[in-house]
Each structure stands twice: as structure tokens, then as C-alpha cells.
Amino acid sequence: MPFQRTRAQLQLDSDARAQLLRITRAREASVAAVERAQIILAYADGQTISAIARQMKTNRPKVERCVDKALQFGPLEALGDLPRAGRPPTITPQARAWVVSLACQKPTELGYSYELWTLQLLADHIRAHCQAAGHPSLRKLARGTVFRLLSQRELKPHRIRYYLERRDPDFDEKMAQVLCVYHEVALAQVQEDPDAELIAYLSYDEKPGIQAIENLAPDLLPVPDEHPCISRDHQYRRHGTVTLLAGIDLSEGTVHALVEDRHRSREFVAFLKMLDAHYPDQAKLKVILDNHSAHISKETRTYLASRPNRFEFIFTPTHGSWLNLIEAFFAKMAKTVLRGMRVSSKEELKRRLLQYMAETNAMPVVFRWHHGLEAVSTESAAPAV
């Protein structure tokens, strides 16, 4: 008489089978999870317990336990270990909640000089005040237990994660204005509009604090099979800093730049005069820039009044410099030409920065903005009411 299976057949739906197969191929999965997934798949395909044990070079009880868990709790639940009885917990839920509430406060609020908790400081405070708070189960609390209690609630009071508070009440409106300019640039590049040549779109900003650093010892160049990279002495000499004033033409990709010692109103006006001389007199210059004081100063406004209808400023919102495309160019420059640059003077630094601009303009790259333009194009396409 042939062998008759006494256990129930395990039925796997397509999602469960796909997840089990993915676990068997995942390099980051644990060995136990991979082995259990293979057992469950083999049993669902009709293999016997003995055949599975022989195939996986293990024993029958181990396979039986895995199969029974899959039949009782489900195939995916069987991949983990079932909870065991263990020793009953000695820390009450109320005590755990009190520990969490302490971790959500600053030590300074409780009379300490610390700004952030350390595990040891928090454990010492808990042991010193648990009796008065009505939680005697915490009187022998160790630092490791504090770590486990906080980890269960995903708390890390010893760390700081910075965020940027939105302080500009007109942030959305100003962002929409900037995105509308990018949308106009995109439309001008697609459509053949003769009036498009009468408008120049520029993204402008300053990059201050570029250091002129000189080596005290010469760099050692790479040597094949000996020194794979440039060797540099760690000591250097500072010669001061310079500021790069740059605006990138959003239609052509060319960069207009000045390198100055400072970035006051007079330097900004000098940059505007350079733009005024470069573009045709009949063209209107739309410039995206931030709210630096030099951009709205009396000296700047006086110059703009002398050139009526020539410039139009579109200001990015406060703490919204990421909306300015020139920042992408500055980031690229910092990772390439400025990375590890060594010069003997500020004059050499200025010369090399201007040389980089000339090299960039020899093969200009048009920077394009994509994020958020779908909403702008939808709004512009909507019929007026």
C-alpha cells in the first residue's frame, strides 16, 4: 500500500509564493529564513517530509516543525521564531511609559547641564527617581535595558536630526513664480517663438568663501605599482577668500561670472552691467535670485531705475535656495574644479576660476528643472474662468 500523507496540503497563493521565492534568493536574508522558505516551498510542491530532509541534509523533526508552523500560522509567519514563554517581565507597562516620557524631555528641563541624554545619564536618573515616581521595578535598571526600551519605541534621544522650518509665509507663491519661469524656458525650447529671443532667462547667485590655499610642500604625483594617488602634505597656507558671482543662461547654458573679493551691492551692480552689455538692448532679462541684501539695496535699485524694463527679478522664497538652478552648477563645480584646488595667491585663484568658466562656456550644458513643472503646466493649460 503506498504511503498516504497525514498532514494537510499547504496551499500557497501567488503573492506568498513570490515572497518566499524572493527570500530564497535574497543575499541579505538570514540563513534560517532562507532554509524555512525552501522547506515551505518544497512541501507546497508535494514533496514528503523525508524527501525534504534528505534534500536539505537536515533531520525530519526540524522539517516537521517548520511545516506545522506554516499550516497553523501561515507560510510567511513560519519564517520567524514563535514567542517563547521565558521569564515573566519585571518592568511594568507604566514604568516603561515613564522611561519613554523621560527620554522625550531634555536633561536641561530636569536640572542637568546636558543638552542631550546619554544612556548612562538616563539610567542614573531613572534609578535615582523611580521610587518617588512609583516605579520600584526600575531600581536596578541597567544601561542596556534602557537602550532596549528606547529601541522598542524607535527613540534615539542622544541624536539630533536637523530640519528647516518654513519661515516665509509666501513660500508657495514665490515658488510658483520661480517654477513658472522654468516652465517658460521649457516652452521656449520646444516652440519656435520669434519673441522668445527677446527674453533672456538667468539663474544667479553668489558663492562666497572660496579659499585660496597654498601647499607648503609640493604634491607627489602617482607612480604606477607604488603610489596610486596624489600624495599631499597636510599643512597649508591660507591667502584669504574670494566670491564668485555667477549667472547661468537657462536657454543656452552659458555662464556669466565675476570673481571679486567681496559681494556687496557694487559688485552685484557690476555684474548687472556685464549682463546689460552682453545681451541686446531690446531683450528683457529675467533673473532668478535670492533675497540677499545686495539684491534689494538702494544702490541696486538706483541702477535698475536707470535701466527701466530691462531687468525683472524673480526672488526665491526664504530658505528656498534649492529652487535656484545655479546651485546645481555650484555643486558640480565644488565636486570637480574646487575639490583639492591649491594656488599660490588669490590672483591665481581668480584666474583659474575664470578659466573654468571659459572652459564651461566652450561646451555649455543646459541645466533643466523638472520637479513640480507638471502642476505648473496643468494650471497654465486650464481655461480661465
Protein backbone atom coordinates (compact mmCIF):
# COMPACT_ATOMS: atom_id res chain seq x y z
CA MET A 1 0.00 0.00 0.00
CA PRO A 2 1.52 3.37 -0.98
CA PHE A 3 2.38 5.94 1.65
CA GLN A 4 -0.51 8.27 2.50
CA ARG A 5 0.24 11.80 3.73
CA THR A 6 -1.49 12.51 7.04
CA ARG A 7 -0.73 16.25 7.17
CA ALA A 8 -2.86 18.71 5.29
CA GLN A 9 -1.75 20.07 1.95
CA LEU A 10 -0.26 23.56 2.09
CA GLN A 11 -1.80 25.93 -0.43
CA LEU A 12 0.22 29.00 -1.47
CA ASP A 13 -1.28 31.94 -3.29
CA SER A 14 0.76 33.80 -5.89
CA ASP A 15 1.82 36.60 -3.53
CA ALA A 16 3.01 34.25 -0.79
CA ARG A 17 4.91 32.11 -3.28
CA ALA A 18 6.56 35.17 -4.82
CA GLN A 19 7.65 36.45 -1.40
CA LEU A 20 9.06 33.05 -0.43
CA LEU A 21 10.98 32.80 -3.69
CA ARG A 22 12.34 36.30 -3.18
CA ILE A 23 13.57 35.34 0.31
CA THR A 24 15.36 32.27 -1.01
CA ARG A 25 17.31 34.48 -3.42
CA ALA A 26 17.90 37.44 -1.12
CA ARG A 27 21.51 37.85 -0.07
CA GLU A 28 20.59 39.89 2.99
CA ALA A 29 18.10 37.32 4.36
CA SER A 30 19.14 35.17 7.32
CA VAL A 31 20.15 31.56 6.82
CA ALA A 32 17.23 30.35 8.96
CA ALA A 33 14.69 32.34 6.92
CA VAL A 34 16.08 31.03 3.62
CA GLU A 35 16.03 27.45 4.85
CA ARG A 36 12.46 27.69 6.15
CA ALA A 37 11.29 29.29 2.91
CA GLN A 38 12.82 26.42 0.93
CA ILE A 39 11.11 23.87 3.19
CA ILE A 40 7.71 25.53 2.81
CA LEU A 41 8.03 25.77 -0.97
CA ALA A 42 9.10 22.15 -1.26
CA TYR A 43 6.20 20.93 0.92
CA ALA A 44 3.70 23.03 -1.03
CA ASP A 45 5.02 21.42 -4.24
CA GLY A 46 4.07 17.98 -2.87
CA GLN A 47 7.38 16.67 -1.56
CA THR A 48 7.34 14.47 1.55
CA ILE A 49 8.95 15.33 4.87
CA SER A 50 11.62 12.67 4.39
CA ALA A 51 12.43 13.84 0.87
CA ILE A 52 12.77 17.42 2.04
CA ALA A 53 15.02 16.38 4.93
CA ARG A 54 17.27 14.38 2.59
CA GLN A 55 17.40 17.14 0.00
CA MET A 56 18.34 19.82 2.55
CA LYS A 57 20.60 17.48 4.56
CA THR A 58 18.75 18.03 7.82
CA ASN A 59 16.53 15.99 10.15
CA ARG A 60 12.82 15.23 9.99
CA PRO A 61 11.81 16.96 13.26
CA LYS A 62 13.20 20.25 12.02
CA VAL A 63 11.23 19.99 8.77
CA GLU A 64 8.10 18.90 10.63
CA ARG A 65 8.24 21.88 12.97
CA CYS A 66 8.55 24.30 10.04
CA VAL A 67 5.70 22.65 8.12
CA ASP A 68 3.42 22.55 11.17
CA LYS A 69 4.03 26.26 11.83
CA ALA A 70 3.21 27.05 8.20
CA LEU A 71 -0.04 25.04 8.39
CA GLN A 72 -1.06 26.60 11.69
CA PHE A 73 0.04 30.23 11.40
CA GLY A 74 0.65 30.77 7.69
CA PRO A 75 3.68 30.41 5.37
CA LEU A 76 5.13 33.88 5.96
CA GLU A 77 4.63 33.77 9.74
CA ALA A 78 6.51 30.46 9.85
CA LEU A 79 9.72 32.12 8.70
CA GLY A 80 10.31 33.63 12.16
CA ASP A 81 10.60 32.12 15.61
CA LEU A 82 7.46 31.81 17.69
CA PRO A 83 7.47 33.67 21.01
CA ARG A 84 8.53 31.54 23.94
CA ALA A 85 7.30 31.66 27.48
CA GLY A 86 10.51 32.88 29.11
CA ARG A 87 10.72 34.69 32.41
CA PRO A 88 7.79 37.00 33.18
CA PRO A 89 8.64 40.69 32.73
CA THR A 90 9.57 42.57 35.86
CA ILE A 91 9.20 46.08 34.41
CA THR A 92 5.57 47.15 34.34
CA PRO A 93 3.99 48.84 31.33
CA GLN A 94 3.55 52.00 33.41
CA ALA A 95 7.28 52.02 34.18
CA ARG A 96 8.12 51.60 30.50
CA ALA A 97 5.87 54.54 29.64
CA TRP A 98 7.60 56.64 32.31
CA VAL A 99 11.03 55.86 30.84
CA VAL A 100 9.81 56.85 27.40
CA SER A 101 8.39 60.12 28.75
CA LEU A 102 11.73 60.95 30.36
CA ALA A 103 13.55 60.25 27.09
CA CYS A 104 11.22 62.69 25.32
CA GLN A 105 12.38 65.53 27.58
CA LYS A 106 15.65 67.43 27.61
CA PRO A 107 18.03 66.87 30.53
CA THR A 108 18.17 70.65 30.99
CA GLU A 109 14.46 70.59 31.85
CA LEU A 110 15.27 68.26 34.75
CA GLY A 111 18.13 70.33 36.15
CA TYR A 112 21.14 68.84 34.34
CA SER A 113 23.81 70.67 32.38
CA TYR A 114 23.48 68.21 29.48
CA GLU A 115 21.61 69.21 26.37
CA LEU A 116 21.09 65.61 25.21
CA TRP A 117 20.63 62.37 27.09
CA THR A 118 23.27 59.70 27.23
CA LEU A 119 22.23 56.17 28.08
CA GLN A 120 24.22 56.26 31.30
CA LEU A 121 22.81 59.62 32.38
CA LEU A 122 19.25 58.49 31.67
CA ALA A 123 19.78 55.19 33.53
CA ASP A 124 21.25 57.02 36.55
CA HIS A 125 18.33 59.46 36.62
CA ILE A 126 15.79 56.63 36.40
CA ARG A 127 17.35 54.70 39.27
CA ALA A 128 17.53 57.83 41.43
CA HIS A 129 13.90 58.86 40.92
CA CYS A 130 11.99 55.64 40.16
CA GLN A 131 10.92 55.05 43.79
CA ALA A 132 9.46 58.55 44.15
CA ALA A 133 7.70 58.18 40.80
CA GLY A 134 6.07 54.93 41.91
CA HIS A 135 8.06 52.53 39.71
CA PRO A 136 10.21 50.40 42.04
CA SER A 137 10.70 47.84 39.27
CA LEU A 138 13.29 50.20 37.75
CA ARG A 139 15.57 50.46 40.79
CA LYS A 140 18.16 48.10 39.24
CA LEU A 141 17.76 49.31 35.68
CA ALA A 142 20.92 48.91 33.58
CA ARG A 143 22.07 50.98 30.64
CA GLY A 144 21.50 48.13 28.22
CA THR A 145 17.89 47.79 29.36
CA VAL A 146 17.37 51.50 28.73
CA PHE A 147 18.68 51.00 25.20
CA ARG A 148 16.25 48.12 24.60
CA LEU A 149 13.27 50.04 25.99
CA LEU A 150 14.02 53.02 23.77
CA SER A 151 14.69 50.84 20.73
CA GLN A 152 11.26 49.29 21.07
CA ARG A 153 9.77 52.75 20.57
CA GLU A 154 12.39 53.82 17.99
CA LEU A 155 13.70 56.60 20.23
CA LYS A 156 17.23 57.99 19.99
CA PRO A 157 17.36 60.97 22.38
CA HIS A 158 21.15 61.16 22.08
CA ARG A 159 20.96 62.26 18.44
CA ILE A 160 19.97 65.47 16.67
CA ARG A 161 18.29 65.47 13.28
CA TYR A 162 18.11 68.92 11.75
CA TYR A 163 15.10 70.25 9.92
CA LEU A 164 14.32 73.51 8.17
CA GLU A 165 11.34 75.44 9.44
CA ARG A 166 9.35 77.27 6.78
CA ARG A 167 9.54 80.91 7.86
CA ASP A 168 8.35 82.55 4.64
CA PRO A 169 4.54 82.99 4.68
CA ASP A 170 4.61 83.49 0.89
CA PHE A 171 6.73 80.40 0.21
CA ASP A 172 4.22 78.68 -2.11
CA GLU A 173 3.51 81.84 -4.08
CA LYS A 174 7.20 82.62 -4.61
CA MET A 175 7.96 79.01 -5.51
CA ALA A 176 5.17 79.11 -8.10
CA GLN A 177 6.71 82.23 -9.64
CA VAL A 178 10.10 80.53 -9.94
CA LEU A 179 8.56 77.39 -11.43
CA CYS A 180 6.64 79.50 -13.93
CA VAL A 181 9.95 80.88 -15.20
CA TYR A 182 11.31 77.34 -15.63
CA HIS A 183 8.09 76.44 -17.44
CA GLU A 184 8.53 79.41 -19.78
CA VAL A 185 12.08 78.26 -20.53
CA ALA A 186 10.85 74.75 -21.32
CA LEU A 187 8.15 76.09 -23.65
CA ALA A 188 10.59 78.42 -25.39
CA GLN A 189 12.92 75.49 -26.10
CA VAL A 190 10.11 73.44 -27.66
CA GLN A 191 8.16 76.11 -29.52
CA GLU A 192 9.64 78.25 -32.28
CA ASP A 193 8.54 81.64 -31.00
CA PRO A 194 10.28 84.67 -32.58
CA ASP A 195 9.54 86.73 -29.47
CA ALA A 196 11.41 84.20 -27.30
CA GLU A 197 14.73 85.74 -28.34
CA LEU A 198 13.65 89.00 -26.71
CA ILE A 199 13.72 87.41 -23.24
CA ALA A 200 16.81 86.02 -21.53
CA TYR A 201 16.33 83.76 -18.51
CA LEU A 202 19.14 83.62 -15.97
CA SER A 203 19.69 81.89 -12.64
CA TYR A 204 22.02 83.90 -10.42
CA ASP A 205 23.72 83.51 -7.05
CA GLU A 206 26.98 84.13 -5.24
CA LYS A 207 29.38 81.51 -3.93
CA PRO A 208 31.34 83.25 -1.18
CA GLY A 209 34.25 81.98 0.89
CA ILE A 210 36.20 80.15 -1.83
CA GLN A 211 39.56 79.70 -0.13
CA ALA A 212 42.91 80.39 -1.73
CA ILE A 213 45.03 77.62 -0.19
CA GLU A 214 48.68 77.02 -0.94
CA ASN A 215 50.69 73.89 -0.26
CA LEU A 216 53.78 74.17 1.93
CA ALA A 217 55.26 71.10 0.26
CA PRO A 218 54.87 70.01 -3.37
CA ASP A 219 52.37 67.31 -4.27
CA LEU A 220 53.79 63.88 -5.10
CA LEU A 221 52.32 62.55 -8.32
CA PRO A 222 51.10 58.96 -8.70
CA VAL A 223 53.64 56.24 -9.51
CA PRO A 224 52.43 53.03 -11.18
CA ASP A 225 52.52 49.97 -8.90
CA GLU A 226 53.78 52.12 -5.99
CA HIS A 227 51.58 55.16 -5.20
CA PRO A 228 48.11 55.00 -6.74
CA CYS A 229 47.09 58.59 -5.99
CA ILE A 230 48.48 62.06 -5.41
CA SER A 231 50.26 62.41 -2.06
CA ARG A 232 49.87 65.74 -0.30
CA ASP A 233 51.34 67.19 2.87
CA HIS A 234 48.62 68.04 5.37
CA GLN A 235 49.95 71.53 6.16
CA TYR A 236 48.93 74.51 4.04
CA ARG A 237 48.83 78.31 3.99
CA ARG A 238 45.71 80.44 3.55
CA HIS A 239 45.72 83.52 1.35
CA GLY A 240 42.17 84.65 2.00
CA THR A 241 38.90 84.05 0.21
CA VAL A 242 37.12 85.24 -2.91
CA THR A 243 33.50 85.34 -4.01
CA LEU A 244 32.16 84.02 -7.29
CA LEU A 245 29.20 85.93 -8.75
CA ALA A 246 27.69 83.76 -11.44
CA GLY A 247 24.56 83.58 -13.55
CA ILE A 248 23.74 80.74 -15.89
CA ASP A 249 21.69 81.31 -19.02
CA LEU A 250 18.87 78.78 -18.74
CA SER A 251 18.34 78.65 -22.50
CA GLU A 252 21.94 78.38 -23.70
CA GLY A 253 23.81 77.01 -20.68
CA THR A 254 26.50 79.70 -20.83
CA VAL A 255 27.78 81.08 -17.55
CA HIS A 256 28.41 84.76 -16.85
CA ALA A 257 30.79 85.24 -13.94
CA LEU A 258 32.77 87.73 -11.92
CA VAL A 259 35.28 86.86 -9.22
CA GLU A 260 35.61 89.52 -6.54
CA ASP A 261 36.99 89.84 -3.04
CA ARG A 262 33.55 90.70 -1.63
CA HIS A 263 29.90 90.54 -2.67
CA ARG A 264 28.40 93.92 -1.87
CA SER A 265 25.93 96.00 -3.83
CA ARG A 266 28.66 97.50 -6.01
CA GLU A 267 29.85 94.04 -7.09
CA PHE A 268 26.28 92.99 -7.83
CA VAL A 269 25.67 96.14 -9.86
CA ALA A 270 28.89 95.45 -11.77
CA PHE A 271 27.53 92.00 -12.61
CA LEU A 272 24.25 93.51 -13.82
CA LYS A 273 26.18 95.93 -16.01
CA MET A 274 28.08 92.98 -17.50
CA LEU A 275 24.77 91.30 -18.36
CA ASP A 276 23.41 94.54 -19.78
CA ALA A 277 26.39 94.84 -22.10
CA HIS A 278 26.19 91.22 -23.23
CA TYR A 279 22.54 90.96 -24.28
CA PRO A 280 20.81 93.04 -27.00
CA ASP A 281 19.23 96.29 -25.87
CA GLN A 282 15.73 95.18 -26.79
CA ALA A 283 15.94 91.95 -24.71
CA LYS A 284 14.39 91.68 -21.27
CA LEU A 285 16.44 89.86 -18.62
CA LYS A 286 14.52 87.68 -16.16
CA VAL A 287 16.83 86.80 -13.28
CA ILE A 288 16.09 84.22 -10.57
CA LEU A 289 17.95 85.11 -7.38
CA ASP A 290 17.67 85.01 -3.60
CA ASN A 291 16.84 87.71 -1.07
CA HIS A 292 20.39 88.86 -0.30
CA SER A 293 20.53 92.46 0.90
CA ALA A 294 22.71 93.48 -2.06
CA HIS A 295 19.92 92.47 -4.45
CA ILE A 296 17.41 94.95 -2.98
CA SER A 297 19.73 97.68 -1.73
CA LYS A 298 19.40 101.38 -2.55
CA GLU A 299 22.41 101.23 -4.85
CA THR A 300 20.93 98.30 -6.78
CA ARG A 301 17.52 99.95 -7.07
CA THR A 302 19.14 103.13 -8.33
CA TYR A 303 20.86 101.23 -11.12
CA LEU A 304 17.67 99.34 -12.03
CA ALA A 305 15.83 102.65 -12.26
CA SER A 306 18.40 103.84 -14.77
CA ARG A 307 17.57 100.83 -16.97
CA PRO A 308 13.74 100.68 -16.86
CA ASN A 309 12.05 97.48 -18.08
CA ARG A 310 15.46 95.90 -18.66
CA PHE A 311 15.62 93.57 -15.64
CA GLU A 312 12.94 91.54 -13.90
CA PHE A 313 13.89 89.86 -10.62
CA ILE A 314 12.15 86.66 -9.50
CA PHE A 315 13.06 86.05 -5.87
CA THR A 316 13.25 82.58 -4.40
CA PRO A 317 11.44 82.13 -1.06
CA THR A 318 13.33 82.37 2.21
CA HIS A 319 15.27 79.11 2.79
CA GLY A 320 14.33 78.08 -0.75
CA SER A 321 17.71 78.37 -2.44
CA TRP A 322 17.27 74.78 -3.66
CA LEU A 323 14.82 76.21 -6.21
CA ASN A 324 17.64 78.12 -7.88
CA LEU A 325 19.21 76.12 -10.71
CA ILE A 326 22.58 77.85 -10.32
CA GLU A 327 23.01 75.82 -7.12
CA ALA A 328 23.33 72.68 -9.26
CA PHE A 329 26.15 74.33 -11.18
CA PHE A 330 27.87 75.35 -7.93
CA ALA A 331 27.56 71.80 -6.60
CA LYS A 332 29.12 70.41 -9.77
CA MET A 333 31.94 72.95 -9.56
CA ALA A 334 32.63 72.14 -5.90
CA LYS A 335 32.94 68.43 -6.68
CA THR A 336 35.24 68.94 -9.66
CA VAL A 337 37.40 72.03 -10.09
CA LEU A 338 37.32 73.28 -6.48
CA ARG A 339 37.99 69.85 -5.00
CA GLY A 340 41.57 69.86 -3.78
CA MET A 341 42.50 73.08 -5.60
CA ARG A 342 45.82 74.60 -4.45
CA VAL A 343 47.00 78.07 -5.56
CA SER A 344 49.81 80.40 -4.60
CA SER A 345 47.69 83.57 -4.32
CA LYS A 346 44.18 84.97 -4.59
CA GLU A 347 45.02 86.30 -8.06
CA GLU A 348 45.82 82.79 -9.24
CA LEU A 349 42.58 81.52 -7.75
CA LYS A 350 40.61 84.21 -9.60
CA ARG A 351 42.39 83.39 -12.85
CA ARG A 352 41.69 79.67 -12.57
CA LEU A 353 38.02 80.24 -11.71
CA LEU A 354 37.56 82.43 -14.77
CA GLN A 355 39.44 79.86 -16.83
CA TYR A 356 36.98 77.22 -15.64
CA MET A 357 34.09 79.44 -16.74
CA ALA A 358 35.65 79.81 -20.17
CA GLU A 359 36.11 76.04 -20.44
CA THR A 360 32.49 75.54 -19.39
CA ASN A 361 31.22 78.02 -21.97
CA ALA A 362 33.23 76.27 -24.68
CA MET A 363 30.92 73.28 -24.20
CA PRO A 364 27.88 74.67 -22.35
CA VAL A 365 25.45 72.38 -20.59
CA VAL A 366 21.81 73.44 -20.36
CA PHE A 367 20.50 72.78 -16.86
CA ARG A 368 16.83 71.80 -16.83
CA TRP A 369 14.31 71.85 -13.99
CA HIS A 370 11.72 69.06 -13.84
CA HIS A 371 10.30 68.84 -10.30
CA GLY A 372 6.89 70.49 -9.98
CA LEU A 373 6.58 71.57 -13.61
CA GLU A 374 3.67 69.16 -14.19
CA ALA A 375 1.45 71.15 -11.84
CA VAL A 376 2.53 74.43 -13.43
CA SER A 377 1.80 73.19 -16.94
CA THR A 378 -1.61 71.90 -15.81
CA GLU A 379 -2.53 75.23 -14.26
CA SER A 380 -1.39 77.17 -17.31
CA ALA A 381 -3.38 74.87 -19.60
CA ALA A 382 -6.57 75.23 -17.54
CA PRO A 383 -9.16 77.57 -19.10
CA ALA A 384 -9.60 80.94 -17.45
CA VAL A 385 -12.82 81.38 -15.50
